């Protein structure tokens, strides 16, 4: 029992984790799915989970051993915590979140009328903190913001990513598509060059994935930390010897929107574990 307590803090979180759809047992063969949207450059969609070694899959699939639950636990506590001048909490409006927030994380990034632009789930959290709680927004990629994002992603675990780009989101989508397919950096490489053309091939002993976003934020074993998708972008920029953007930058938001569209239909994995 002490082992379970260390891995998942609180009875409520333990019950939540065990009642959410599992990410599937290690070694079980998952079939690919067809793209949801016409014009997708991929003929099949395969989660990054499938390109991970068996021990990484096993770690993700065990809710008691999955190191990402440390951040989920933090997020659950922050969900209930009153903060800011209004002394409100997320739960003040949305109760425990299990019903009200089910499916919400799968719809981001999306255009936000109040912000007048496309925002990520993490940015939407900060908008609520500023507007509803009158609290200071958290830094992008901070432990608190990662934790609350991970908690909300868990509430939508197993649901398909939407990746809708209708209406006012289209301009940001086109920007993300241009970035993804454009060559950059000293090496003149592109995101598409690796993840569209060479997925499944080996690079420095590791399989190249299709580069989907359905598992982020994710626990990264090499870094021994929980990382945002924008941190992953910066790491890839570094591999291409291109100048990275700060997390939360408009270019990264546009790139995240494009990936949500490109991977639409893939189930959310939360919390995911990657190499």
Foldseek 3Di string as FASTA:
>chain_A
DVLQCVQAPDPVRVVLLVPFDFPDAQPDDDDWDAAPDPPQLARTFDDPLVQFDRVQVNQLRDSSNNNLNVLQNLLQVQQCFQDAPQRDHVCNPQNSCLPVLAPVQLAPQDQDPVVRATAHPLVVVQVCCCPPRVHHRDDVWDSNSQSNSLNSLSSHFFPWRALDCPDPNVVLLVLLVCQQPFFFAPQRDHVCVPQSPQAQDDDPRGGGHNPADLQPQEQEPVVRGGGGVLVVVCVVCVVRRHHGDGPPDSNVSSNNSNRSSSRTGDGRRHNHYHD
